[in-house]
């Protein structure tokens, strides 16, 4: 069972996503000990094709200086694509929580690489990264349904 803090941080990721209604991929990164949001990110792929919400948030987090990456959790409105899940793993972030799945995005008409985040984890050196799926899925799905 998920605690209320997971829901609170996913709610913030949804609010961040609404800043880009055409590509509502919003992300927040949270320090597990202090329960404080340390970075946020929005999909800015129109500026740079690699600036997905997760990458933007990781870059913003890195810009803050010293970071204990292993003490962080990333919340994002959609399942991280292979690029983003790899960046999460390379950064050392310990856990990732998402709303909408890649299969659902594809069903809604979004172009996706059909490789699941769990598959990226399974084939990586960081098999200990925790993945929580489907948090606030209905609310996240609605973001992507409106954007299509």
N, C-alpha and C. Protein backbone atom coordinates (compact mmCIF):
# COMPACT_ATOMS: atom_id res chain seq x y z
N UNK A 1 0.84 -1.19 0.00
CA UNK A 1 0.00 0.00 0.00
C UNK A 1 0.88 1.25 0.00
N UNK A 2 0.50 2.24 -0.79
CA UNK A 2 1.26 3.46 -0.90
C UNK A 2 0.81 4.45 0.16
N UNK A 3 1.77 5.22 0.69
CA UNK A 3 1.38 6.22 1.69
C UNK A 3 0.97 7.52 1.00
N UNK A 4 0.44 8.44 1.80
CA UNK A 4 -0.08 9.71 1.26
C UNK A 4 0.99 10.56 0.59
N UNK A 5 2.24 10.43 1.03
CA UNK A 5 3.29 11.26 0.41
C UNK A 5 3.45 10.93 -1.07
N UNK A 6 3.31 9.64 -1.43
CA UNK A 6 3.39 9.29 -2.85
C UNK A 6 2.31 10.03 -3.63
N UNK A 7 1.11 10.04 -3.11
CA UNK A 7 0.00 10.71 -3.79
C UNK A 7 0.23 12.21 -3.87
N UNK A 8 0.75 12.80 -2.80
CA UNK A 8 1.04 14.23 -2.79
C UNK A 8 2.05 14.61 -3.86
N UNK A 9 3.10 13.82 -3.98
CA UNK A 9 4.15 14.15 -4.96
C UNK A 9 3.69 13.87 -6.39
N UNK A 10 2.87 12.84 -6.59
CA UNK A 10 2.33 12.60 -7.93
C UNK A 10 1.37 13.73 -8.30
N UNK A 11 0.62 14.23 -7.34
CA UNK A 11 -0.27 15.38 -7.61
C UNK A 11 0.54 16.57 -8.09
N UNK A 12 1.70 16.78 -7.49
CA UNK A 12 2.55 17.88 -7.94
C UNK A 12 3.08 17.62 -9.35
N UNK A 13 3.46 16.39 -9.64
CA UNK A 13 3.93 16.05 -11.00
C UNK A 13 2.83 16.32 -12.02
N UNK A 14 1.59 16.04 -11.66
CA UNK A 14 0.46 16.31 -12.55
C UNK A 14 0.30 17.81 -12.77
N UNK A 15 0.46 18.59 -11.72
CA UNK A 15 0.38 20.06 -11.86
C UNK A 15 1.50 20.57 -12.75
N UNK A 16 2.71 20.05 -12.57
CA UNK A 16 3.84 20.44 -13.41
C UNK A 16 3.54 20.08 -14.87
N UNK A 17 2.97 18.90 -15.10
CA UNK A 17 2.65 18.45 -16.46
C UNK A 17 1.68 19.38 -17.16
N UNK A 18 0.78 19.98 -16.41
CA UNK A 18 -0.22 20.88 -16.99
C UNK A 18 0.41 22.15 -17.55
N UNK A 19 1.68 22.42 -17.21
CA UNK A 19 2.39 23.56 -17.78
C UNK A 19 2.65 23.37 -19.26
N UNK A 20 2.60 22.12 -19.73
CA UNK A 20 2.78 21.82 -21.15
C UNK A 20 1.65 20.88 -21.59
N UNK A 21 0.46 21.42 -21.81
CA UNK A 21 -0.70 20.56 -22.10
C UNK A 21 -0.56 19.73 -23.37
N UNK A 22 0.30 20.14 -24.30
CA UNK A 22 0.49 19.36 -25.53
C UNK A 22 1.36 18.12 -25.30
N UNK A 23 2.26 18.19 -24.31
CA UNK A 23 3.14 17.08 -23.95
C UNK A 23 3.20 17.00 -22.42
N UNK A 24 2.15 16.48 -21.79
CA UNK A 24 2.02 16.57 -20.33
C UNK A 24 2.84 15.55 -19.54
N UNK A 25 4.12 15.54 -19.81
CA UNK A 25 5.04 14.66 -19.09
C UNK A 25 5.72 15.51 -18.01
N UNK A 26 5.18 15.45 -16.79
CA UNK A 26 5.71 16.23 -15.68
C UNK A 26 6.41 15.34 -14.68
N UNK A 27 7.46 15.88 -14.06
CA UNK A 27 8.28 15.10 -13.15
C UNK A 27 8.67 15.92 -11.94
N UNK A 28 8.69 15.28 -10.78
CA UNK A 28 9.30 15.87 -9.59
C UNK A 28 10.24 14.85 -8.98
N UNK A 29 11.30 15.36 -8.37
CA UNK A 29 12.27 14.52 -7.67
C UNK A 29 12.24 14.93 -6.20
N UNK A 30 12.15 13.93 -5.33
CA UNK A 30 11.94 14.16 -3.91
C UNK A 30 13.07 13.53 -3.09
N UNK A 31 13.54 14.27 -2.10
CA UNK A 31 14.49 13.74 -1.12
C UNK A 31 13.70 12.87 -0.15
N UNK A 32 14.06 11.61 -0.05
CA UNK A 32 13.30 10.66 0.78
C UNK A 32 13.34 11.01 2.26
N UNK A 33 14.46 11.51 2.75
CA UNK A 33 14.59 11.81 4.18
C UNK A 33 13.78 13.03 4.58
N UNK A 34 13.92 14.12 3.85
CA UNK A 34 13.25 15.37 4.22
C UNK A 34 11.85 15.49 3.64
N UNK A 35 11.52 14.63 2.66
CA UNK A 35 10.24 14.68 1.96
C UNK A 35 10.03 16.04 1.29
N UNK A 36 11.11 16.60 0.75
CA UNK A 36 11.09 17.89 0.07
C UNK A 36 11.36 17.67 -1.41
N UNK A 37 10.62 18.37 -2.26
CA UNK A 37 10.88 18.34 -3.70
C UNK A 37 12.17 19.11 -3.96
N UNK A 38 13.13 18.44 -4.59
CA UNK A 38 14.42 19.07 -4.87
C UNK A 38 14.55 19.52 -6.32
N UNK A 39 13.68 19.02 -7.20
CA UNK A 39 13.73 19.43 -8.61
C UNK A 39 12.42 19.07 -9.29
N UNK A 40 12.11 19.82 -10.33
CA UNK A 40 10.95 19.55 -11.16
C UNK A 40 11.38 19.59 -12.62
N UNK A 41 10.61 18.95 -13.47
CA UNK A 41 10.92 18.97 -14.89
C UNK A 41 9.67 18.83 -15.72
N UNK A 42 9.72 19.40 -16.89
CA UNK A 42 8.60 19.38 -17.84
C UNK A 42 9.14 18.94 -19.19
N UNK A 43 8.31 18.31 -19.99
CA UNK A 43 8.74 17.93 -21.33
C UNK A 43 8.99 19.20 -22.14
N UNK A 44 10.22 19.35 -22.59
CA UNK A 44 10.60 20.49 -23.43
C UNK A 44 11.25 19.98 -24.71
N UNK A 45 10.69 18.89 -25.24
CA UNK A 45 11.27 18.27 -26.43
C UNK A 45 11.16 19.14 -27.67
N UNK A 46 10.32 20.17 -27.63
CA UNK A 46 10.27 21.10 -28.76
C UNK A 46 11.54 21.96 -28.80
N UNK A 47 12.21 22.12 -27.67
CA UNK A 47 13.49 22.84 -27.60
C UNK A 47 14.67 21.91 -27.86
N UNK A 48 14.55 20.68 -27.36
CA UNK A 48 15.62 19.69 -27.46
C UNK A 48 14.95 18.32 -27.38
N UNK A 49 15.11 17.46 -28.37
CA UNK A 49 14.38 16.19 -28.38
C UNK A 49 14.69 15.27 -27.20
N UNK A 50 15.79 15.50 -26.49
CA UNK A 50 16.10 14.66 -25.33
C UNK A 50 15.55 15.22 -24.02
N UNK A 51 14.94 16.39 -24.05
CA UNK A 51 14.45 17.00 -22.82
C UNK A 51 13.04 16.52 -22.47
N UNK A 52 12.96 15.24 -22.15
CA UNK A 52 11.72 14.71 -21.59
C UNK A 52 11.62 15.21 -20.16
N UNK A 53 10.47 15.07 -19.53
CA UNK A 53 10.27 15.57 -18.18
C UNK A 53 11.28 15.02 -17.19
N UNK A 54 11.58 13.73 -17.29
CA UNK A 54 12.54 13.11 -16.37
C UNK A 54 13.94 13.68 -16.57
N UNK A 55 14.36 13.83 -17.81
CA UNK A 55 15.70 14.36 -18.10
C UNK A 55 15.80 15.81 -17.63
N UNK A 56 14.77 16.60 -17.87
CA UNK A 56 14.74 17.99 -17.41
C UNK A 56 14.87 18.05 -15.89
N UNK A 57 14.13 17.20 -15.18
CA UNK A 57 14.19 17.19 -13.72
C UNK A 57 15.57 16.74 -13.22
N UNK A 58 16.14 15.72 -13.85
CA UNK A 58 17.47 15.25 -13.45
C UNK A 58 18.50 16.36 -13.68
N UNK A 59 18.42 17.04 -14.83
CA UNK A 59 19.34 18.16 -15.09
C UNK A 59 19.17 19.27 -14.07
N UNK A 60 17.92 19.59 -13.73
CA UNK A 60 17.66 20.63 -12.73
C UNK A 60 18.18 20.23 -11.36
N UNK A 61 18.05 18.96 -11.04
CA UNK A 61 18.56 18.45 -9.77
C UNK A 61 20.09 18.52 -9.74
N UNK A 62 20.72 18.12 -10.82
CA UNK A 62 22.19 18.16 -10.89
C UNK A 62 22.71 19.59 -10.76
N UNK A 63 21.96 20.54 -11.27
CA UNK A 63 22.38 21.95 -11.23
C UNK A 63 22.38 22.52 -9.81
N UNK A 64 21.74 21.82 -8.87
CA UNK A 64 21.70 22.32 -7.49
C UNK A 64 23.00 22.06 -6.75
N UNK A 65 23.89 21.26 -7.31
CA UNK A 65 25.16 20.97 -6.65
C UNK A 65 25.20 19.55 -6.15
N UNK A 66 25.82 19.37 -4.99
CA UNK A 66 25.97 18.02 -4.44
C UNK A 66 24.61 17.39 -4.19
N UNK A 67 24.47 16.17 -4.65
CA UNK A 67 23.21 15.47 -4.50
C UNK A 67 23.49 14.03 -4.12
N UNK A 68 22.77 13.55 -3.12
CA UNK A 68 22.82 12.14 -2.76
C UNK A 68 21.74 11.43 -3.58
N UNK A 69 22.08 11.06 -4.79
CA UNK A 69 21.11 10.53 -5.74
C UNK A 69 20.38 9.30 -5.21
N UNK A 70 21.08 8.48 -4.43
CA UNK A 70 20.46 7.25 -3.92
C UNK A 70 19.35 7.53 -2.92
N UNK A 71 19.26 8.74 -2.40
CA UNK A 71 18.24 9.11 -1.40
C UNK A 71 17.05 9.80 -2.05
N UNK A 72 16.90 9.65 -3.37
CA UNK A 72 15.85 10.36 -4.10
C UNK A 72 14.83 9.41 -4.71
N UNK A 73 13.61 9.92 -4.86
CA UNK A 73 12.56 9.23 -5.60
C UNK A 73 12.06 10.17 -6.69
N UNK A 74 11.87 9.64 -7.88
CA UNK A 74 11.38 10.40 -9.02
C UNK A 74 9.92 10.02 -9.26
N UNK A 75 9.07 11.03 -9.41
CA UNK A 75 7.64 10.85 -9.72
C UNK A 75 7.39 11.44 -11.09
N UNK A 76 6.71 10.70 -11.95
CA UNK A 76 6.46 11.18 -13.29
C UNK A 76 5.09 10.72 -13.79
N UNK A 77 4.47 11.53 -14.61
CA UNK A 77 3.11 11.26 -15.04
C UNK A 77 2.99 10.06 -15.98
N UNK A 78 4.07 9.68 -16.63
CA UNK A 78 4.02 8.52 -17.54
C UNK A 78 5.24 7.65 -17.32
N UNK A 79 5.09 6.40 -17.66
CA UNK A 79 6.19 5.44 -17.53
C UNK A 79 7.41 5.95 -18.28
N UNK A 80 8.57 5.98 -17.63
CA UNK A 80 9.77 6.46 -18.31
C UNK A 80 10.09 5.63 -19.56
N UNK A 81 10.39 6.34 -20.64
CA UNK A 81 10.82 5.67 -21.86
C UNK A 81 12.20 5.06 -21.61
N UNK A 82 12.72 4.25 -22.54
CA UNK A 82 14.03 3.64 -22.31
C UNK A 82 15.14 4.66 -22.05
N UNK A 83 15.12 5.80 -22.75
CA UNK A 83 16.14 6.83 -22.52
C UNK A 83 16.04 7.37 -21.10
N UNK A 84 14.82 7.69 -20.68
CA UNK A 84 14.63 8.30 -19.36
C UNK A 84 14.90 7.29 -18.25
N UNK A 85 14.46 6.05 -18.43
CA UNK A 85 14.73 5.04 -17.40
C UNK A 85 16.22 4.80 -17.28
N UNK A 86 16.93 4.82 -18.39
CA UNK A 86 18.39 4.68 -18.34
C UNK A 86 19.02 5.85 -17.59
N UNK A 87 18.54 7.06 -17.84
CA UNK A 87 19.08 8.23 -17.13
C UNK A 87 18.81 8.13 -15.63
N UNK A 88 17.63 7.64 -15.27
CA UNK A 88 17.31 7.45 -13.85
C UNK A 88 18.30 6.46 -13.23
N UNK A 89 18.55 5.36 -13.93
CA UNK A 89 19.49 4.36 -13.42
C UNK A 89 20.90 4.90 -13.34
N UNK A 90 21.36 5.59 -14.39
CA UNK A 90 22.72 6.13 -14.38
C UNK A 90 22.91 7.18 -13.30
N UNK A 91 21.84 7.93 -13.00
CA UNK A 91 21.97 8.96 -11.95
C UNK A 91 22.09 8.33 -10.57
N UNK A 92 21.54 7.14 -10.41
CA UNK A 92 21.57 6.48 -9.11
C UNK A 92 20.31 6.69 -8.29
N UNK A 93 19.30 7.33 -8.88
CA UNK A 93 18.03 7.51 -8.18
C UNK A 93 17.49 6.13 -7.80
N UNK A 94 17.06 6.01 -6.56
CA UNK A 94 16.71 4.71 -5.99
C UNK A 94 15.33 4.18 -6.39
N UNK A 95 14.39 5.07 -6.68
CA UNK A 95 13.05 4.60 -7.03
C UNK A 95 12.35 5.58 -7.96
N UNK A 96 11.47 5.02 -8.78
CA UNK A 96 10.69 5.82 -9.73
C UNK A 96 9.23 5.39 -9.62
N UNK A 97 8.35 6.39 -9.64
CA UNK A 97 6.91 6.18 -9.53
C UNK A 97 6.26 6.83 -10.74
N UNK A 98 5.36 6.10 -11.42
CA UNK A 98 4.72 6.70 -12.59
C UNK A 98 3.23 6.40 -12.61
N UNK A 99 2.52 7.19 -13.43
CA UNK A 99 1.07 7.06 -13.58
C UNK A 99 0.69 6.23 -14.79
N UNK A 100 0.71 6.83 -15.96
CA UNK A 100 0.28 6.19 -17.21
C UNK A 100 1.37 5.25 -17.73
N UNK A 101 0.97 4.08 -18.20
CA UNK A 101 1.93 3.11 -18.73
C UNK A 101 2.22 3.36 -20.21
N UNK A 102 3.32 2.83 -20.67
CA UNK A 102 3.66 2.90 -22.10
C UNK A 102 2.57 2.26 -22.96
N UNK A 103 2.05 1.07 -22.60
CA UNK A 103 0.97 0.51 -23.43
C UNK A 103 -0.26 1.42 -23.50
N UNK A 104 -0.61 2.07 -22.41
CA UNK A 104 -1.75 2.99 -22.44
C UNK A 104 -1.45 4.18 -23.33
N UNK A 105 -0.24 4.74 -23.23
CA UNK A 105 0.13 5.85 -24.12
C UNK A 105 -0.02 5.44 -25.58
N UNK A 106 0.44 4.24 -25.91
CA UNK A 106 0.34 3.75 -27.28
C UNK A 106 -1.12 3.58 -27.70
N UNK A 107 -1.95 3.07 -26.80
CA UNK A 107 -3.38 2.92 -27.10
C UNK A 107 -4.04 4.28 -27.35
N UNK A 108 -3.53 5.31 -26.67
CA UNK A 108 -4.08 6.66 -26.83
C UNK A 108 -3.52 7.39 -28.05
N UNK A 109 -2.60 6.74 -28.79
CA UNK A 109 -2.08 7.33 -30.02
C UNK A 109 -0.75 8.04 -29.89
N UNK A 110 -0.09 7.89 -28.75
CA UNK A 110 1.23 8.51 -28.56
C UNK A 110 2.31 7.60 -29.13
N UNK A 111 3.27 8.20 -29.85
CA UNK A 111 4.41 7.44 -30.36
C UNK A 111 5.34 7.12 -29.20
N UNK A 112 5.61 5.84 -29.02
CA UNK A 112 6.47 5.39 -27.93
C UNK A 112 7.36 4.26 -28.42
N UNK A 113 8.51 4.11 -27.78
CA UNK A 113 9.33 2.92 -27.98
C UNK A 113 8.77 1.89 -27.01
N UNK A 114 8.36 0.75 -27.54
CA UNK A 114 7.66 -0.23 -26.72
C UNK A 114 8.63 -1.10 -25.93
N UNK A 115 9.36 -0.46 -25.05
CA UNK A 115 10.24 -1.16 -24.10
C UNK A 115 9.87 -0.63 -22.73
N UNK A 116 9.42 -1.50 -21.87
CA UNK A 116 8.94 -1.11 -20.55
C UNK A 116 10.10 -0.75 -19.61
N UNK A 117 9.83 0.14 -18.68
CA UNK A 117 10.83 0.58 -17.70
C UNK A 117 11.37 -0.61 -16.91
N UNK A 118 10.51 -1.54 -16.54
CA UNK A 118 10.96 -2.72 -15.78
C UNK A 118 11.94 -3.56 -16.59
N UNK A 119 11.76 -3.59 -17.92
CA UNK A 119 12.69 -4.34 -18.77
C UNK A 119 14.06 -3.66 -18.81
N UNK A 120 14.07 -2.32 -18.82
CA UNK A 120 15.35 -1.60 -18.78
C UNK A 120 16.06 -1.90 -17.46
N UNK A 121 15.33 -1.85 -16.37
CA UNK A 121 15.92 -2.16 -15.06
C UNK A 121 16.47 -3.58 -15.05
N UNK A 122 15.71 -4.54 -15.56
CA UNK A 122 16.11 -5.95 -15.53
C UNK A 122 17.40 -6.20 -16.30
N UNK A 123 17.67 -5.37 -17.30
CA UNK A 123 18.87 -5.56 -18.12
C UNK A 123 20.02 -4.63 -17.71
N UNK A 124 19.85 -3.93 -16.60
CA UNK A 124 20.87 -2.96 -16.20
C UNK A 124 21.71 -3.48 -15.03
N UNK A 125 22.69 -2.68 -14.69
CA UNK A 125 23.53 -2.95 -13.52
C UNK A 125 22.82 -2.56 -12.23
N UNK A 126 21.68 -1.87 -12.32
CA UNK A 126 20.96 -1.34 -11.16
C UNK A 126 19.61 -2.04 -10.98
N UNK A 127 19.66 -3.33 -10.82
CA UNK A 127 18.41 -4.09 -10.69
C UNK A 127 17.68 -3.81 -9.39
N UNK A 128 18.30 -3.04 -8.49
CA UNK A 128 17.68 -2.74 -7.20
C UNK A 128 16.80 -1.49 -7.24
N UNK A 129 16.73 -0.81 -8.36
CA UNK A 129 15.90 0.39 -8.48
C UNK A 129 14.43 -0.03 -8.39
N UNK A 130 13.73 0.56 -7.43
CA UNK A 130 12.32 0.23 -7.23
C UNK A 130 11.46 0.99 -8.23
N UNK A 131 10.48 0.31 -8.80
CA UNK A 131 9.56 0.91 -9.77
C UNK A 131 8.15 0.69 -9.26
N UNK A 132 7.40 1.79 -9.12
CA UNK A 132 6.01 1.72 -8.69
C UNK A 132 5.16 2.26 -9.84
N UNK A 133 4.22 1.46 -10.31
CA UNK A 133 3.42 1.85 -11.48
C UNK A 133 1.98 2.12 -11.10
N UNK A 134 1.33 2.92 -11.94
CA UNK A 134 -0.10 3.12 -11.85
C UNK A 134 -0.60 4.06 -10.77
N UNK A 135 0.28 4.87 -10.19
CA UNK A 135 -0.17 5.82 -9.17
C UNK A 135 -0.91 6.98 -9.84
N UNK A 136 -2.11 7.27 -9.38
CA UNK A 136 -2.96 8.32 -9.97
C UNK A 136 -3.13 8.10 -11.47
N UNK A 137 -3.24 6.84 -11.84
CA UNK A 137 -3.30 6.47 -13.26
C UNK A 137 -4.46 7.15 -13.99
N UNK A 138 -5.62 7.18 -13.37
CA UNK A 138 -6.79 7.78 -14.01
C UNK A 138 -6.53 9.26 -14.33
N UNK A 139 -5.98 9.99 -13.36
CA UNK A 139 -5.70 11.41 -13.54
C UNK A 139 -4.62 11.63 -14.60
N UNK A 140 -3.59 10.79 -14.58
CA UNK A 140 -2.53 10.90 -15.58
C UNK A 140 -3.04 10.55 -16.97
N UNK A 141 -3.83 9.48 -17.07
CA UNK A 141 -4.40 9.11 -18.36
C UNK A 141 -5.21 10.25 -18.96
N UNK A 142 -5.95 10.96 -18.10
CA UNK A 142 -6.78 12.08 -18.58
C UNK A 142 -5.91 13.18 -19.19
N UNK A 143 -4.71 13.41 -18.64
CA UNK A 143 -3.80 14.41 -19.22
C UNK A 143 -3.47 14.05 -20.67
N UNK A 144 -3.14 12.78 -20.89
CA UNK A 144 -2.70 12.33 -22.20
C UNK A 144 -3.85 12.17 -23.18
N UNK A 145 -5.02 11.86 -22.67
CA UNK A 145 -6.20 11.76 -23.52
C UNK A 145 -6.58 13.14 -24.06
N UNK A 146 -6.49 14.16 -23.21
CA UNK A 146 -6.81 15.52 -23.65
C UNK A 146 -5.80 16.06 -24.64
N UNK A 147 -4.56 15.61 -24.55
CA UNK A 147 -3.50 16.16 -25.38
C UNK A 147 -3.46 15.57 -26.80
N UNK A 148 -4.09 14.43 -26.99
CA UNK A 148 -4.02 13.76 -28.31
C UNK A 148 -4.80 14.56 -29.34
